[in-house]
Amino acid sequence: MLALDHSRRAPWGPLHGVTVSCFLLQHPSRLPASERGRAWAILNTYVGEGLAATTRLTERARRANSHRNHDAALPDSGLGMSDPPAAFGVTIADVAQDGTFPAYGFSGRVTAWAEDIITAWRGASGGR
């Protein structure tokens, strides 16, 4: 999927920040707890406000990652993320379908993945 994401072609490229956030929130041991808020903000923006708003947010995150700009931090997630969910209903395997991440329906599968992760984390965090 990363090769498709980095091709910058639709539908994969524009959803790169969303797919990375999904993966990292399903595998939180790969992401420092201090960075989970960034992934959480990306998913919530995507599900709540759409791809255009997410693109603006990920551009802001990219600038925040620059060593030259430390003032562009994303807002705190406000979600207690100390205890990750035990299981998820949608995973990268569902998004991949046959392992090729087909373009047809990709955006819808990513949306289902993001929505499932949000629901699972809220449940694990007591609904906050």
N, C-alpha and C. Protein backbone atom coordinates (compact mmCIF):
# COMPACT_ATOMS: atom_id res chain seq x y z
N MET A 1 0.82 -1.18 0.00
CA MET A 1 0.00 0.00 0.00
C MET A 1 0.87 1.25 0.00
N LEU A 2 1.99 1.24 0.70
CA LEU A 2 2.82 2.44 0.75
C LEU A 2 3.32 2.83 -0.64
N ALA A 3 3.65 1.86 -1.47
CA ALA A 3 4.09 2.19 -2.83
C ALA A 3 2.96 2.89 -3.59
N LEU A 4 1.74 2.40 -3.43
CA LEU A 4 0.59 3.05 -4.07
C LEU A 4 0.37 4.44 -3.50
N ASP A 5 0.46 4.57 -2.16
CA ASP A 5 0.30 5.87 -1.52
C ASP A 5 1.32 6.88 -2.06
N HIS A 6 2.56 6.44 -2.13
CA HIS A 6 3.63 7.35 -2.53
C HIS A 6 3.62 7.64 -4.02
N SER A 7 2.80 6.93 -4.78
CA SER A 7 2.66 7.26 -6.20
C SER A 7 1.92 8.58 -6.37
N ARG A 8 1.24 9.00 -5.29
CA ARG A 8 0.45 10.23 -5.27
C ARG A 8 -0.75 10.18 -6.21
N ARG A 9 -1.04 9.02 -6.76
CA ARG A 9 -2.20 8.88 -7.63
C ARG A 9 -3.43 8.57 -6.79
N ALA A 10 -4.57 9.06 -7.27
CA ALA A 10 -5.85 8.74 -6.63
C ALA A 10 -6.19 7.29 -6.97
N PRO A 11 -6.83 6.60 -6.08
CA PRO A 11 -7.36 7.03 -4.81
C PRO A 11 -6.38 6.88 -3.64
N TRP A 12 -5.23 6.28 -3.86
CA TRP A 12 -4.34 5.94 -2.76
C TRP A 12 -3.60 7.14 -2.19
N GLY A 13 -2.95 7.91 -3.02
CA GLY A 13 -2.11 9.02 -2.57
C GLY A 13 -2.80 10.00 -1.65
N PRO A 14 -3.98 10.50 -2.04
CA PRO A 14 -4.64 11.48 -1.17
C PRO A 14 -5.03 10.92 0.20
N LEU A 15 -5.09 9.60 0.33
CA LEU A 15 -5.49 8.99 1.60
C LEU A 15 -4.30 8.48 2.42
N HIS A 16 -3.10 8.83 2.01
CA HIS A 16 -1.90 8.32 2.68
C HIS A 16 -1.92 8.60 4.19
N GLY A 17 -2.19 9.84 4.59
CA GLY A 17 -2.21 10.17 6.02
C GLY A 17 -3.26 9.39 6.78
N VAL A 18 -4.38 9.13 6.14
CA VAL A 18 -5.47 8.38 6.76
C VAL A 18 -5.06 6.92 6.93
N THR A 19 -4.50 6.32 5.88
CA THR A 19 -4.16 4.90 5.97
C THR A 19 -3.03 4.66 6.97
N VAL A 20 -2.06 5.56 7.01
CA VAL A 20 -0.98 5.43 7.99
C VAL A 20 -1.54 5.57 9.41
N SER A 21 -2.43 6.54 9.60
CA SER A 21 -3.05 6.73 10.92
C SER A 21 -3.85 5.51 11.34
N CYS A 22 -4.60 4.95 10.40
CA CYS A 22 -5.37 3.73 10.69
C CYS A 22 -4.44 2.61 11.14
N PHE A 23 -3.40 2.37 10.35
CA PHE A 23 -2.48 1.28 10.68
C PHE A 23 -1.85 1.49 12.05
N LEU A 24 -1.37 2.70 12.30
CA LEU A 24 -0.68 2.96 13.57
C LEU A 24 -1.61 2.88 14.77
N LEU A 25 -2.86 3.29 14.62
CA LEU A 25 -3.78 3.18 15.75
C LEU A 25 -4.25 1.74 15.97
N GLN A 26 -4.10 0.89 14.96
CA GLN A 26 -4.38 -0.53 15.18
C GLN A 26 -3.14 -1.26 15.70
N HIS A 27 -1.99 -0.64 15.59
CA HIS A 27 -0.73 -1.21 16.07
C HIS A 27 -0.03 -0.15 16.91
N PRO A 28 -0.65 0.26 18.02
CA PRO A 28 -0.15 1.41 18.77
C PRO A 28 1.24 1.23 19.37
N SER A 29 1.74 0.01 19.46
CA SER A 29 3.09 -0.17 19.98
C SER A 29 4.13 0.39 19.01
N ARG A 30 3.72 0.63 17.77
CA ARG A 30 4.63 1.20 16.77
C ARG A 30 4.61 2.73 16.78
N LEU A 31 3.79 3.30 17.64
CA LEU A 31 3.61 4.75 17.67
C LEU A 31 3.74 5.23 19.11
N PRO A 32 4.64 6.17 19.37
CA PRO A 32 4.73 6.68 20.74
C PRO A 32 3.40 7.26 21.19
N ALA A 33 3.05 7.06 22.44
CA ALA A 33 1.79 7.56 22.97
C ALA A 33 1.64 9.06 22.74
N SER A 34 2.75 9.78 22.76
CA SER A 34 2.71 11.22 22.56
C SER A 34 2.30 11.60 21.14
N GLU A 35 2.38 10.67 20.19
CA GLU A 35 2.04 10.95 18.79
C GLU A 35 0.66 10.40 18.41
N ARG A 36 0.01 9.70 19.31
CA ARG A 36 -1.30 9.12 18.98
C ARG A 36 -2.34 10.18 18.70
N GLY A 37 -2.23 11.32 19.36
CA GLY A 37 -3.18 12.41 19.15
C GLY A 37 -3.19 12.88 17.71
N ARG A 38 -2.05 12.88 17.06
CA ARG A 38 -1.95 13.29 15.67
C ARG A 38 -2.73 12.33 14.78
N ALA A 39 -2.51 11.03 14.97
CA ALA A 39 -3.24 10.04 14.17
C ALA A 39 -4.74 10.12 14.44
N TRP A 40 -5.08 10.30 15.70
CA TRP A 40 -6.50 10.42 16.10
C TRP A 40 -7.15 11.63 15.43
N ALA A 41 -6.45 12.75 15.41
CA ALA A 41 -6.98 13.97 14.79
C ALA A 41 -7.20 13.77 13.30
N ILE A 42 -6.28 13.09 12.64
CA ILE A 42 -6.41 12.84 11.20
C ILE A 42 -7.64 12.00 10.93
N LEU A 43 -7.84 10.91 11.69
CA LEU A 43 -9.00 10.04 11.45
C LEU A 43 -10.31 10.76 11.73
N ASN A 44 -10.37 11.49 12.82
CA ASN A 44 -11.61 12.21 13.15
C ASN A 44 -11.93 13.30 12.14
N THR A 45 -10.91 13.95 11.64
CA THR A 45 -11.13 14.97 10.63
C THR A 45 -11.63 14.32 9.34
N TYR A 46 -11.03 13.22 8.95
CA TYR A 46 -11.44 12.53 7.73
C TYR A 46 -12.90 12.07 7.83
N VAL A 47 -13.24 11.41 8.91
CA VAL A 47 -14.60 10.88 9.07
C VAL A 47 -15.61 12.01 9.25
N GLY A 48 -15.24 13.04 9.99
CA GLY A 48 -16.18 14.11 10.31
C GLY A 48 -16.28 15.22 9.29
N GLU A 49 -15.17 15.50 8.61
CA GLU A 49 -15.14 16.68 7.74
C GLU A 49 -14.75 16.38 6.30
N GLY A 50 -14.26 15.17 6.04
CA GLY A 50 -13.94 14.80 4.67
C GLY A 50 -12.47 14.94 4.30
N LEU A 51 -12.20 14.56 3.06
CA LEU A 51 -10.83 14.50 2.57
C LEU A 51 -10.18 15.88 2.45
N ALA A 52 -10.92 16.89 2.00
CA ALA A 52 -10.32 18.23 1.85
C ALA A 52 -9.81 18.76 3.19
N ALA A 53 -10.61 18.61 4.23
CA ALA A 53 -10.19 19.06 5.56
C ALA A 53 -9.01 18.24 6.07
N THR A 54 -9.01 16.96 5.75
CA THR A 54 -7.91 16.09 6.16
C THR A 54 -6.62 16.48 5.46
N THR A 55 -6.73 16.82 4.20
CA THR A 55 -5.55 17.25 3.45
C THR A 55 -4.95 18.50 4.08
N ARG A 56 -5.79 19.45 4.45
CA ARG A 56 -5.29 20.66 5.13
C ARG A 56 -4.60 20.29 6.44
N LEU A 57 -5.21 19.38 7.19
CA LEU A 57 -4.64 18.97 8.47
C LEU A 57 -3.31 18.24 8.28
N THR A 58 -3.22 17.35 7.31
CA THR A 58 -1.98 16.61 7.10
C THR A 58 -0.87 17.52 6.58
N GLU A 59 -1.23 18.52 5.81
CA GLU A 59 -0.24 19.51 5.38
C GLU A 59 0.30 20.26 6.59
N ARG A 60 -0.59 20.60 7.49
CA ARG A 60 -0.19 21.27 8.74
C ARG A 60 0.71 20.35 9.56
N ALA A 61 0.38 19.06 9.62
CA ALA A 61 1.21 18.09 10.35
C ALA A 61 2.58 17.97 9.70
N ARG A 62 2.61 17.98 8.38
CA ARG A 62 3.89 17.89 7.67
C ARG A 62 4.77 19.09 8.02
N ARG A 63 4.16 20.27 8.05
CA ARG A 63 4.92 21.46 8.43
C ARG A 63 5.37 21.35 9.89
N ALA A 64 4.54 20.78 10.75
CA ALA A 64 4.90 20.63 12.17
C ALA A 64 6.08 19.69 12.34
N ASN A 65 6.23 18.74 11.44
CA ASN A 65 7.35 17.80 11.50
C ASN A 65 8.67 18.44 11.11
N SER A 66 8.60 19.58 10.47
CA SER A 66 9.81 20.26 10.04
C SER A 66 10.56 20.77 11.27
N HIS A 67 11.86 20.60 11.25
CA HIS A 67 12.68 21.11 12.35
C HIS A 67 12.69 22.63 12.38
N ARG A 68 12.22 23.26 11.30
CA ARG A 68 12.19 24.72 11.23
C ARG A 68 10.90 25.31 11.78
N ASN A 69 9.90 24.47 12.06
CA ASN A 69 8.61 25.02 12.46
C ASN A 69 8.03 24.19 13.59
N HIS A 70 8.13 24.71 14.77
CA HIS A 70 7.62 23.97 15.94
C HIS A 70 6.30 24.53 16.44
N ASP A 71 5.71 25.51 15.75
CA ASP A 71 4.48 26.14 16.20
C ASP A 71 3.23 25.57 15.56
N ALA A 72 3.35 24.59 14.67
CA ALA A 72 2.20 24.10 13.91
C ALA A 72 1.68 22.78 14.46
N ALA A 73 1.76 22.58 15.76
CA ALA A 73 1.33 21.32 16.36
C ALA A 73 -0.18 21.12 16.19
N LEU A 74 -0.58 19.86 16.10
CA LEU A 74 -1.99 19.53 16.03
C LEU A 74 -2.60 19.60 17.42
N PRO A 75 -3.91 19.81 17.50
CA PRO A 75 -4.56 19.85 18.81
C PRO A 75 -4.50 18.51 19.51
N ASP A 76 -4.53 18.56 20.83
CA ASP A 76 -4.58 17.34 21.63
C ASP A 76 -5.86 16.59 21.32
N SER A 77 -5.77 15.27 21.28
CA SER A 77 -6.94 14.46 20.92
C SER A 77 -8.01 14.49 21.99
N GLY A 78 -7.63 14.70 23.25
CA GLY A 78 -8.60 14.67 24.33
C GLY A 78 -9.09 13.27 24.63
N LEU A 79 -8.53 12.27 24.01
CA LEU A 79 -8.96 10.90 24.20
C LEU A 79 -7.90 10.16 25.00
N GLY A 80 -8.31 9.58 26.11
CA GLY A 80 -7.39 8.77 26.88
C GLY A 80 -7.04 7.52 26.09
N MET A 81 -5.81 7.41 25.68
CA MET A 81 -5.42 6.33 24.79
C MET A 81 -4.43 5.38 25.44
N SER A 82 -4.57 5.16 26.73
CA SER A 82 -3.61 4.30 27.40
C SER A 82 -3.90 2.82 27.19
N ASP A 83 -5.15 2.45 27.04
CA ASP A 83 -5.51 1.04 26.87
C ASP A 83 -6.09 0.84 25.47
N PRO A 84 -5.30 0.28 24.55
CA PRO A 84 -5.80 0.09 23.19
C PRO A 84 -6.92 -0.95 23.14
N PRO A 85 -7.74 -0.88 22.11
CA PRO A 85 -8.80 -1.87 21.95
C PRO A 85 -8.22 -3.28 21.81
N ALA A 86 -9.00 -4.26 22.24
CA ALA A 86 -8.55 -5.65 22.15
C ALA A 86 -8.68 -6.20 20.74
N ALA A 87 -9.63 -5.68 19.97
CA ALA A 87 -9.86 -6.20 18.61
C ALA A 87 -10.50 -5.12 17.75
N PHE A 88 -10.38 -5.30 16.46
CA PHE A 88 -10.98 -4.38 15.49
C PHE A 88 -11.79 -5.19 14.49
N GLY A 89 -12.87 -4.59 14.01
CA GLY A 89 -13.73 -5.27 13.04
C GLY A 89 -13.24 -5.13 11.61
N VAL A 90 -12.49 -4.07 11.32
CA VAL A 90 -11.97 -3.82 9.98
C VAL A 90 -10.47 -3.65 10.11
N THR A 91 -9.73 -4.32 9.24
CA THR A 91 -8.27 -4.24 9.28
C THR A 91 -7.74 -3.95 7.88
N ILE A 92 -6.43 -3.83 7.80
CA ILE A 92 -5.79 -3.58 6.52
C ILE A 92 -6.08 -4.71 5.53
N ALA A 93 -6.28 -5.91 6.02
CA ALA A 93 -6.62 -7.02 5.12
C ALA A 93 -7.94 -6.77 4.41
N ASP A 94 -8.89 -6.15 5.09
CA ASP A 94 -10.16 -5.81 4.45
C ASP A 94 -9.98 -4.73 3.39
N VAL A 95 -9.10 -3.78 3.67
CA VAL A 95 -8.83 -2.71 2.71
C VAL A 95 -8.09 -3.27 1.49
N ALA A 96 -7.20 -4.22 1.74
CA ALA A 96 -6.40 -4.82 0.66
C ALA A 96 -7.22 -5.70 -0.26
N GLN A 97 -8.29 -6.24 0.24
CA GLN A 97 -9.13 -7.23 -0.45
C GLN A 97 -8.29 -8.41 -0.91
N ASP A 98 -7.86 -8.43 -2.14
CA ASP A 98 -7.10 -9.56 -2.66
C ASP A 98 -5.59 -9.35 -2.52
N GLY A 99 -5.20 -8.36 -1.75
CA GLY A 99 -3.79 -8.06 -1.54
C GLY A 99 -3.25 -6.98 -2.46
N THR A 100 -4.08 -6.51 -3.39
CA THR A 100 -3.61 -5.51 -4.36
C THR A 100 -4.13 -4.11 -4.09
N PHE A 101 -4.96 -3.94 -3.07
CA PHE A 101 -5.57 -2.65 -2.75
C PHE A 101 -6.22 -2.05 -4.00
N PRO A 102 -7.18 -2.76 -4.57
CA PRO A 102 -7.79 -2.27 -5.82
C PRO A 102 -8.41 -0.88 -5.66
N ALA A 103 -8.31 -0.11 -6.74
CA ALA A 103 -8.81 1.26 -6.74
C ALA A 103 -10.31 1.31 -6.52
N TYR A 104 -11.03 0.40 -7.18
CA TYR A 104 -12.48 0.43 -7.07
C TYR A 104 -12.90 0.18 -5.62
N GLY A 105 -13.57 1.14 -5.03
CA GLY A 105 -14.06 1.02 -3.67
C GLY A 105 -13.03 1.30 -2.58
N PHE A 106 -11.81 1.68 -2.98
CA PHE A 106 -10.74 1.88 -1.99
C PHE A 106 -11.12 2.93 -0.95
N SER A 107 -11.61 4.08 -1.41
CA SER A 107 -11.97 5.14 -0.47
C SER A 107 -13.02 4.68 0.53
N GLY A 108 -14.01 3.94 0.07
CA GLY A 108 -15.04 3.43 0.96
C GLY A 108 -14.49 2.44 1.99
N ARG A 109 -13.55 1.61 1.54
CA ARG A 109 -12.94 0.65 2.48
C ARG A 109 -12.10 1.38 3.52
N VAL A 110 -11.39 2.43 3.11
CA VAL A 110 -10.60 3.21 4.06
C VAL A 110 -11.52 3.92 5.04
N THR A 111 -12.63 4.45 4.56
CA THR A 111 -13.59 5.11 5.46
C THR A 111 -14.12 4.12 6.48
N ALA A 112 -14.47 2.91 6.05
CA ALA A 112 -14.95 1.89 6.99
C ALA A 112 -13.88 1.55 8.01
N TRP A 113 -12.64 1.49 7.58
CA TRP A 113 -11.51 1.20 8.46
C TRP A 113 -11.38 2.31 9.51
N ALA A 114 -11.39 3.56 9.06
CA ALA A 114 -11.26 4.69 9.98
C ALA A 114 -12.42 4.74 10.97
N GLU A 115 -13.64 4.54 10.49
CA GLU A 115 -14.80 4.57 11.38
C GLU A 115 -14.72 3.47 12.43
N ASP A 116 -14.28 2.28 12.02
CA ASP A 116 -14.15 1.17 12.97
C ASP A 116 -13.11 1.47 14.04
N ILE A 117 -12.00 2.06 13.64
CA ILE A 117 -10.95 2.38 14.60
C ILE A 117 -11.44 3.42 15.61
N ILE A 118 -12.13 4.43 15.13
CA ILE A 118 -12.68 5.45 16.03
C ILE A 118 -13.63 4.81 17.03
N THR A 119 -14.53 3.97 16.55
CA THR A 119 -15.49 3.29 17.42
C THR A 119 -14.77 2.41 18.44
N ALA A 120 -13.78 1.66 18.00
CA ALA A 120 -13.06 0.75 18.90
C ALA A 120 -12.29 1.51 19.97
N TRP A 121 -11.59 2.58 19.58
CA TRP A 121 -10.84 3.36 20.57
C TRP A 121 -11.76 4.06 21.55
N ARG A 122 -12.89 4.56 21.06
CA ARG A 122 -13.83 5.20 21.99
C ARG A 122 -14.36 4.20 23.00
N GLY A 123 -14.65 2.99 22.54
CA GLY A 123 -15.11 1.94 23.44
C GLY A 123 -14.06 1.56 24.46
N ALA A 124 -12.80 1.48 24.03
CA ALA A 124 -11.71 1.12 24.94
C ALA A 124 -11.40 2.25 25.93
N SER A 125 -11.76 3.46 25.55
CA SER A 125 -11.46 4.61 26.39
C SER A 125 -12.67 5.10 27.17
N GLY A 126 -13.69 4.28 27.24
CA GLY A 126 -14.87 4.63 28.01
C GLY A 126 -15.80 5.59 27.31
N GLY A 127 -15.74 5.64 25.96
CA GLY A 127 -16.68 6.43 25.19
C GLY A 127 -16.34 7.89 25.02
N ARG A 128 -15.18 8.32 25.51
CA ARG A 128 -14.81 9.74 25.37
C ARG A 128 -14.56 10.11 23.94
